[in-house]
Each structure stands twice: as structure tokens, then as C-alpha cells.
Amino acid sequence: MVDGAVVGFGKVDAATSVSCDAIYGTEEGDTCSDVAQNFKLSVDSFLEINPNINCETIFVGQWLCVDGSVSP
């Protein structure tokens, strides 16, 4: 499990903690919505557990959380 404090980007604030239970390394052609769909996540849920992601600039090999939770 990977834990991390969030620094205020995305939909969570600095007092929020994201716990990631599974990660995925992006492949050529992946988009945020593709990855979310492949792991049966809504785009909102995907962005919540990846609060610092910029979906315009994801790159091959970038680690994304694909199973996790957010707690205050």
C-alpha cells in the first residue's frame, strides 16, 4: 500500500490523505479516461485517487493509482 499526503491539487485539500492499494504504469496511447474505464473507475474516482495528475501530460511509464481511497 502507498500512502501520501496531498498538497492541495485536484479535488482534495491539504488535510486529506490518499491511500493507494494498486498502481498501473501507463502505456503508449493511454489517457486518464481509458485507464479509469479499464479499471472500472469513474473518471471522478480516478482523479480523486490521483489528485496531482495532469491528464494532458501523462507519459509512458507514469505510475497511476488504480485502486485506493481518500480520507479526511
PDB file of N, CA and C in Angstrom:
ATOM      1  N   MET A   1       0.850  -1.169   0.000  1.00  0.00           N
ATOM      2  CA  MET A   1       0.000   0.000   0.000  1.00  0.00           C
ATOM      3  C   MET A   1       0.895   1.231   0.000  1.00  0.00           C
ATOM      4  N   VAL A   2       0.480   2.245  -0.724  1.00  0.00           N
ATOM      5  CA  VAL A   2       1.206   3.503  -0.798  1.00  0.00           C
ATOM      6  C   VAL A   2       0.345   4.568  -0.159  1.00  0.00           C
ATOM      7  N   ASP A   3       0.886   5.307   0.792  1.00  0.00           N
ATOM      8  CA  ASP A   3       0.166   6.402   1.430  1.00  0.00           C
ATOM      9  C   ASP A   3       0.862   7.700   1.087  1.00  0.00           C
ATOM     10  N   GLY A   4       0.084   8.756   0.979  1.00  0.00           N
ATOM     11  CA  GLY A   4       0.703  10.049   0.708  1.00  0.00           C
ATOM     12  C   GLY A   4      -0.181  11.189   1.124  1.00  0.00           C
ATOM     13  N   ALA A   5       0.413  12.236   1.611  1.00  0.00           N
ATOM     14  CA  ALA A   5      -0.329  13.449   1.920  1.00  0.00           C
ATOM     15  C   ALA A   5      -0.511  14.217   0.630  1.00  0.00           C
ATOM     16  N   VAL A   6      -1.645  14.776   0.452  1.00  0.00           N
ATOM     17  CA  VAL A   6      -1.962  15.517  -0.753  1.00  0.00           C
ATOM     18  C   VAL A   6      -1.692  16.994  -0.496  1.00  0.00           C
ATOM     19  N   VAL A   7      -1.138  17.678  -1.455  1.00  0.00           N
ATOM     20  CA  VAL A   7      -0.731  19.057  -1.247  1.00  0.00           C
ATOM     21  C   VAL A   7      -1.704  20.088  -1.804  1.00  0.00           C
ATOM     22  N   GLY A   8      -2.930  19.720  -2.026  1.00  0.00           N
ATOM     23  CA  GLY A   8      -3.932  20.698  -2.386  1.00  0.00           C
ATOM     24  C   GLY A   8      -4.318  20.775  -3.853  1.00  0.00           C
ATOM     25  N   PHE A   9      -3.880  19.861  -4.686  1.00  0.00           N
ATOM     26  CA  PHE A   9      -4.281  19.843  -6.090  1.00  0.00           C
ATOM     27  C   PHE A   9      -5.542  19.000  -6.232  1.00  0.00           C
ATOM     28  N   GLY A  10      -6.195  19.115  -7.356  1.00  0.00           N
ATOM     29  CA  GLY A  10      -7.351  18.266  -7.631  1.00  0.00           C
ATOM     30  C   GLY A  10      -8.516  18.551  -6.713  1.00  0.00           C
ATOM     31  N   LYS A  11      -9.223  17.494  -6.317  1.00  0.00           N
ATOM     32  CA  LYS A  11     -10.457  17.629  -5.571  1.00  0.00           C
ATOM     33  C   LYS A  11     -10.286  17.483  -4.065  1.00  0.00           C
ATOM     34  N   VAL A  12      -9.080  17.346  -3.580  1.00  0.00           N
ATOM     35  CA  VAL A  12      -8.859  17.151  -2.150  1.00  0.00           C
ATOM     36  C   VAL A  12      -8.015  18.288  -1.613  1.00  0.00           C
ATOM     37  N   ASP A  13      -8.097  18.528  -0.287  1.00  0.00           N
ATOM     38  CA  ASP A  13      -7.311  19.607   0.284  1.00  0.00           C
ATOM     39  C   ASP A  13      -6.095  19.055   1.023  1.00  0.00           C
ATOM     40  N   ALA A  14      -5.283  19.945   1.568  1.00  0.00           N
ATOM     41  CA  ALA A  14      -4.011  19.558   2.167  1.00  0.00           C
ATOM     42  C   ALA A  14      -4.177  18.639   3.373  1.00  0.00           C
ATOM     43  N   ALA A  15      -5.336  18.632   4.012  1.00  0.00           N
ATOM     44  CA  ALA A  15      -5.551  17.790   5.178  1.00  0.00           C
ATOM     45  C   ALA A  15      -6.043  16.396   4.801  1.00  0.00           C
ATOM     46  N   THR A  16      -6.190  16.123   3.527  1.00  0.00           N
ATOM     47  CA  THR A  16      -6.714  14.860   3.043  1.00  0.00           C
ATOM     48  C   THR A  16      -5.572  13.896   2.748  1.00  0.00           C
ATOM     49  N   SER A  17      -5.841  12.609   2.981  1.00  0.00           N
ATOM     50  CA  SER A  17      -4.843  11.572   2.727  1.00  0.00           C
ATOM     51  C   SER A  17      -5.375  10.596   1.682  1.00  0.00           C
ATOM     52  N   VAL A  18      -4.514  10.257   0.737  1.00  0.00           N
ATOM     53  CA  VAL A  18      -4.865   9.293  -0.293  1.00  0.00           C
ATOM     54  C   VAL A  18      -4.116   8.001  -0.001  1.00  0.00           C
ATOM     55  N   SER A  19      -4.836   6.897   0.006  1.00  0.00           N
ATOM     56  CA  SER A  19      -4.226   5.584   0.184  1.00  0.00           C
ATOM     57  C   SER A  19      -4.391   4.821  -1.118  1.00  0.00           C
ATOM     58  N   CYS A  20      -3.274   4.381  -1.683  1.00  0.00           N
ATOM     59  CA  CYS A  20      -3.304   3.684  -2.967  1.00  0.00           C
ATOM     60  C   CYS A  20      -2.965   2.215  -2.743  1.00  0.00           C
ATOM     61  N   ASP A  21      -3.833   1.319  -3.193  1.00  0.00           N
ATOM     62  CA  ASP A  21      -3.648  -0.113  -3.000  1.00  0.00           C
ATOM     63  C   ASP A  21      -3.137  -0.827  -4.245  1.00  0.00           C
ATOM     64  N   ALA A  22      -3.224  -0.181  -5.410  1.00  0.00           N
ATOM     65  CA  ALA A  22      -2.729  -0.793  -6.656  1.00  0.00           C
ATOM     66  C   ALA A  22      -2.329   0.314  -7.616  1.00  0.00           C
ATOM     67  N   ILE A  23      -1.243   0.078  -8.344  1.00  0.00           N
ATOM     68  CA  ILE A  23      -0.770   1.061  -9.308  1.00  0.00           C
ATOM     69  C   ILE A  23      -0.672   0.438 -10.701  1.00  0.00           C
ATOM     70  N   TYR A  24      -0.635   1.302 -11.693  1.00  0.00           N
ATOM     71  CA  TYR A  24      -0.533   0.893 -13.089  1.00  0.00           C
ATOM     72  C   TYR A  24       0.478   1.809 -13.777  1.00  0.00           C
ATOM     73  N   GLY A  25       1.371   1.238 -14.559  1.00  0.00           N
ATOM     74  CA  GLY A  25       2.312   2.008 -15.362  1.00  0.00           C
ATOM     75  C   GLY A  25       1.705   2.263 -16.730  1.00  0.00           C
ATOM     76  N   THR A  26       1.574   3.517 -17.083  1.00  0.00           N
ATOM     77  CA  THR A  26       0.913   3.859 -18.338  1.00  0.00           C
ATOM     78  C   THR A  26       1.682   3.338 -19.548  1.00  0.00           C
ATOM     79  N   GLU A  27       0.932   3.085 -20.595  1.00  0.00           N
ATOM     80  CA  GLU A  27       1.477   2.596 -21.855  1.00  0.00           C
ATOM     81  C   GLU A  27       1.157   3.607 -22.948  1.00  0.00           C
ATOM     82  N   GLU A  28       1.827   3.476 -24.077  1.00  0.00           N
ATOM     83  CA  GLU A  28       1.610   4.392 -25.183  1.00  0.00           C
ATOM     84  C   GLU A  28       0.130   4.447 -25.555  1.00  0.00           C
ATOM     85  N   GLY A  29      -0.383   5.666 -25.696  1.00  0.00           N
ATOM     86  CA  GLY A  29      -1.771   5.873 -26.091  1.00  0.00           C
ATOM     87  C   GLY A  29      -2.755   5.963 -24.941  1.00  0.00           C
ATOM     88  N   ASP A  30      -2.327   5.658 -23.708  1.00  0.00           N
ATOM     89  CA  ASP A  30      -3.239   5.737 -22.562  1.00  0.00           C
ATOM     90  C   ASP A  30      -3.692   7.169 -22.319  1.00  0.00           C
ATOM     91  N   THR A  31      -4.949   7.298 -21.921  1.00  0.00           N
ATOM     92  CA  THR A  31      -5.491   8.567 -21.442  1.00  0.00           C
ATOM     93  C   THR A  31      -6.066   8.311 -20.060  1.00  0.00           C
ATOM     94  N   CYS A  32      -6.324   9.371 -19.313  1.00  0.00           N
ATOM     95  CA  CYS A  32      -6.915   9.208 -17.988  1.00  0.00           C
ATOM     96  C   CYS A  32      -8.241   8.451 -18.072  1.00  0.00           C
ATOM     97  N   SER A  33      -9.074   8.819 -19.037  1.00  0.00           N
ATOM     98  CA  SER A  33     -10.372   8.156 -19.128  1.00  0.00           C
ATOM     99  C   SER A  33     -10.235   6.695 -19.543  1.00  0.00           C
ATOM    100  N   ASP A  34      -9.271   6.374 -20.402  1.00  0.00           N
ATOM    101  CA  ASP A  34      -9.033   4.971 -20.772  1.00  0.00           C
ATOM    102  C   ASP A  34      -8.629   4.144 -19.555  1.00  0.00           C
ATOM    103  N   VAL A  35      -7.680   4.667 -18.785  1.00  0.00           N
ATOM    104  CA  VAL A  35      -7.204   3.941 -17.606  1.00  0.00           C
ATOM    105  C   VAL A  35      -8.341   3.770 -16.610  1.00  0.00           C
ATOM    106  N   ALA A  36      -9.100   4.834 -16.361  1.00  0.00           N
ATOM    107  CA  ALA A  36     -10.234   4.747 -15.443  1.00  0.00           C
ATOM    108  C   ALA A  36     -11.214   3.668 -15.907  1.00  0.00           C
ATOM    109  N   GLN A  37     -11.564   3.681 -17.174  1.00  0.00           N
ATOM    110  CA  GLN A  37     -12.511   2.707 -17.713  1.00  0.00           C
ATOM    111  C   GLN A  37     -11.963   1.281 -17.605  1.00  0.00           C
ATOM    112  N   ASN A  38     -10.688   1.091 -17.921  1.00  0.00           N
ATOM    113  CA  ASN A  38     -10.080  -0.242 -17.866  1.00  0.00           C
ATOM    114  C   ASN A  38     -10.093  -0.835 -16.465  1.00  0.00           C
ATOM    115  N   PHE A  39     -10.039   0.020 -15.448  1.00  0.00           N
ATOM    116  CA  PHE A  39     -10.037  -0.456 -14.070  1.00  0.00           C
ATOM    117  C   PHE A  39     -11.390  -0.243 -13.393  1.00  0.00           C
ATOM    118  N   LYS A  40     -12.416  -0.025 -14.212  1.00  0.00           N
ATOM    119  CA  LYS A  40     -13.801   0.092 -13.746  1.00  0.00           C
ATOM    120  C   LYS A  40     -13.978   1.192 -12.702  1.00  0.00           C
ATOM    121  N   LEU A  41     -13.352   2.340 -12.967  1.00  0.00           N
ATOM    122  CA  LEU A  41     -13.469   3.518 -12.115  1.00  0.00           C
ATOM    123  C   LEU A  41     -14.182   4.617 -12.889  1.00  0.00           C
ATOM    124  N   SER A  42     -14.940   5.438 -12.188  1.00  0.00           N
ATOM    125  CA  SER A  42     -15.443   6.646 -12.839  1.00  0.00           C
ATOM    126  C   SER A  42     -14.250   7.595 -12.970  1.00  0.00           C
ATOM    127  N   VAL A  43     -14.328   8.519 -13.892  1.00  0.00           N
ATOM    128  CA  VAL A  43     -13.240   9.481 -14.054  1.00  0.00           C
ATOM    129  C   VAL A  43     -13.081  10.292 -12.770  1.00  0.00           C
ATOM    130  N   ASP A  44     -14.190  10.658 -12.119  1.00  0.00           N
ATOM    131  CA  ASP A  44     -14.114  11.398 -10.851  1.00  0.00           C
ATOM    132  C   ASP A  44     -13.380  10.609  -9.780  1.00  0.00           C
ATOM    133  N   SER A  45     -13.673   9.314  -9.656  1.00  0.00           N
ATOM    134  CA  SER A  45     -12.989   8.470  -8.666  1.00  0.00           C
ATOM    135  C   SER A  45     -11.509   8.352  -8.991  1.00  0.00           C
ATOM    136  N   PHE A  46     -11.196   8.177 -10.278  1.00  0.00           N
ATOM    137  CA  PHE A  46      -9.810   8.085 -10.717  1.00  0.00           C
ATOM    138  C   PHE A  46      -9.041   9.355 -10.348  1.00  0.00           C
ATOM    139  N   LEU A  47      -9.635  10.510 -10.624  1.00  0.00           N
ATOM    140  CA  LEU A  47      -8.973  11.778 -10.323  1.00  0.00           C
ATOM    141  C   LEU A  47      -8.844  12.005  -8.819  1.00  0.00           C
ATOM    142  N   GLU A  48      -9.795  11.507  -8.065  1.00  0.00           N
ATOM    143  CA  GLU A  48      -9.736  11.652  -6.611  1.00  0.00           C
ATOM    144  C   GLU A  48      -8.548  10.891  -6.020  1.00  0.00           C
ATOM    145  N   ILE A  49      -8.256   9.697  -6.549  1.00  0.00           N
ATOM    146  CA  ILE A  49      -7.137   8.921  -6.009  1.00  0.00           C
ATOM    147  C   ILE A  49      -5.816   9.251  -6.714  1.00  0.00           C
ATOM    148  N   ASN A  50      -5.871  10.148  -7.697  1.00  0.00           N
ATOM    149  CA  ASN A  50      -4.681  10.658  -8.393  1.00  0.00           C
ATOM    150  C   ASN A  50      -4.758  12.186  -8.414  1.00  0.00           C
ATOM    151  N   PRO A  51      -4.767  12.818  -7.244  1.00  0.00           N
ATOM    152  CA  PRO A  51      -5.063  14.253  -7.173  1.00  0.00           C
ATOM    153  C   PRO A  51      -4.035  15.161  -7.842  1.00  0.00           C
ATOM    154  N   ASN A  52      -2.831  14.714  -8.032  1.00  0.00           N
ATOM    155  CA  ASN A  52      -1.794  15.565  -8.614  1.00  0.00           C
ATOM    156  C   ASN A  52      -1.575  15.312 -10.101  1.00  0.00           C
ATOM    157  N   ILE A  53      -2.451  14.554 -10.721  1.00  0.00           N
ATOM    158  CA  ILE A  53      -2.263  14.204 -12.125  1.00  0.00           C
ATOM    159  C   ILE A  53      -2.717  15.340 -13.038  1.00  0.00           C
ATOM    160  N   ASN A  54      -1.985  15.501 -14.123  1.00  0.00           N
ATOM    161  CA  ASN A  54      -2.392  16.391 -15.192  1.00  0.00           C
ATOM    162  C   ASN A  54      -2.681  15.488 -16.390  1.00  0.00           C
ATOM    163  N   CYS A  55      -3.928  15.280 -16.681  1.00  0.00           N
ATOM    164  CA  CYS A  55      -4.318  14.334 -17.736  1.00  0.00           C
ATOM    165  C   CYS A  55      -3.859  14.772 -19.120  1.00  0.00           C
ATOM    166  N   GLU A  56      -3.462  16.017 -19.284  1.00  0.00           N
ATOM    167  CA  GLU A  56      -2.958  16.491 -20.569  1.00  0.00           C
ATOM    168  C   GLU A  56      -1.511  16.078 -20.798  1.00  0.00           C
ATOM    169  N   THR A  57      -0.806  15.668 -19.724  1.00  0.00           N
ATOM    170  CA  THR A  57       0.626  15.409 -19.860  1.00  0.00           C
ATOM    171  C   THR A  57       1.053  14.053 -19.293  1.00  0.00           C
ATOM    172  N   ILE A  58       0.145  13.046 -19.257  1.00  0.00           N
ATOM    173  CA  ILE A  58       0.598  11.744 -18.773  1.00  0.00           C
ATOM    174  C   ILE A  58       1.579  11.161 -19.785  1.00  0.00           C
ATOM    175  N   PHE A  59       2.500  10.345 -19.299  1.00  0.00           N
ATOM    176  CA  PHE A  59       3.559   9.837 -20.160  1.00  0.00           C
ATOM    177  C   PHE A  59       3.739   8.337 -19.952  1.00  0.00           C
ATOM    178  N   VAL A  60       4.326   7.676 -20.913  1.00  0.00           N
ATOM    179  CA  VAL A  60       4.565   6.240 -20.855  1.00  0.00           C
ATOM    180  C   VAL A  60       5.409   5.923 -19.622  1.00  0.00           C
ATOM    181  N   GLY A  61       4.942   4.965 -18.838  1.00  0.00           N
ATOM    182  CA  GLY A  61       5.651   4.549 -17.638  1.00  0.00           C
ATOM    183  C   GLY A  61       5.264   5.306 -16.384  1.00  0.00           C
ATOM    184  N   GLN A  62       4.408   6.308 -16.498  1.00  0.00           N
ATOM    185  CA  GLN A  62       3.962   7.051 -15.319  1.00  0.00           C
ATOM    186  C   GLN A  62       3.117   6.141 -14.449  1.00  0.00           C
ATOM    187  N   TRP A  63       3.370   6.163 -13.140  1.00  0.00           N
ATOM    188  CA  TRP A  63       2.607   5.330 -12.206  1.00  0.00           C
ATOM    189  C   TRP A  63       1.328   6.041 -11.810  1.00  0.00           C
ATOM    190  N   LEU A  64       0.196   5.347 -11.981  1.00  0.00           N
ATOM    191  CA  LEU A  64      -1.103   5.880 -11.609  1.00  0.00           C
ATOM    192  C   LEU A  64      -1.753   4.957 -10.604  1.00  0.00           C
ATOM    193  N   CYS A  65      -2.457   5.540  -9.654  1.00  0.00           N
ATOM    194  CA  CYS A  65      -3.206   4.744  -8.689  1.00  0.00           C
ATOM    195  C   CYS A  65      -4.491   4.265  -9.365  1.00  0.00           C
ATOM    196  N   VAL A  66      -4.764   2.975  -9.280  1.00  0.00           N
ATOM    197  CA  VAL A  66      -5.968   2.419  -9.904  1.00  0.00           C
ATOM    198  C   VAL A  66      -6.884   1.735  -8.899  1.00  0.00           C
ATOM    199  N   ASP A  67      -6.493   1.760  -7.626  1.00  0.00           N
ATOM    200  CA  ASP A  67      -7.342   1.236  -6.553  1.00  0.00           C
ATOM    201  C   ASP A  67      -6.893   1.913  -5.276  1.00  0.00           C
ATOM    202  N   GLY A  68      -7.794   2.640  -4.654  1.00  0.00           N
ATOM    203  CA  GLY A  68      -7.411   3.338  -3.444  1.00  0.00           C
ATOM    204  C   GLY A  68      -8.597   4.053  -2.821  1.00  0.00           C
ATOM    205  N   SER A  69      -8.266   4.871  -1.826  1.00  0.00           N
ATOM    206  CA  SER A  69      -9.315   5.606  -1.135  1.00  0.00           C
ATOM    207  C   SER A  69      -8.768   6.938  -0.653  1.00  0.00           C
ATOM    208  N   VAL A  70      -9.688   7.841  -0.363  1.00  0.00           N
ATOM    209  CA  VAL A  70      -9.351   9.170   0.137  1.00  0.00           C
ATOM    210  C   VAL A  70     -10.025   9.333   1.488  1.00  0.00           C
ATOM    211  N   SER A  71      -9.260   9.804   2.471  1.00  0.00           N
ATOM    212  CA  SER A  71      -9.850  10.026   3.790  1.00  0.00           C
ATOM    213  C   SER A  71      -9.429  11.390   4.310  1.00  0.00           C
ATOM    214  N   PRO A  72     -10.339  12.005   5.061  1.00  0.00           N
ATOM    215  CA  PRO A  72     -10.053  13.352   5.600  1.00  0.00           C
ATOM    216  C   PRO A  72      -8.992  13.327   6.679  1.00  0.00           C
TER     217      PRO A  72
END
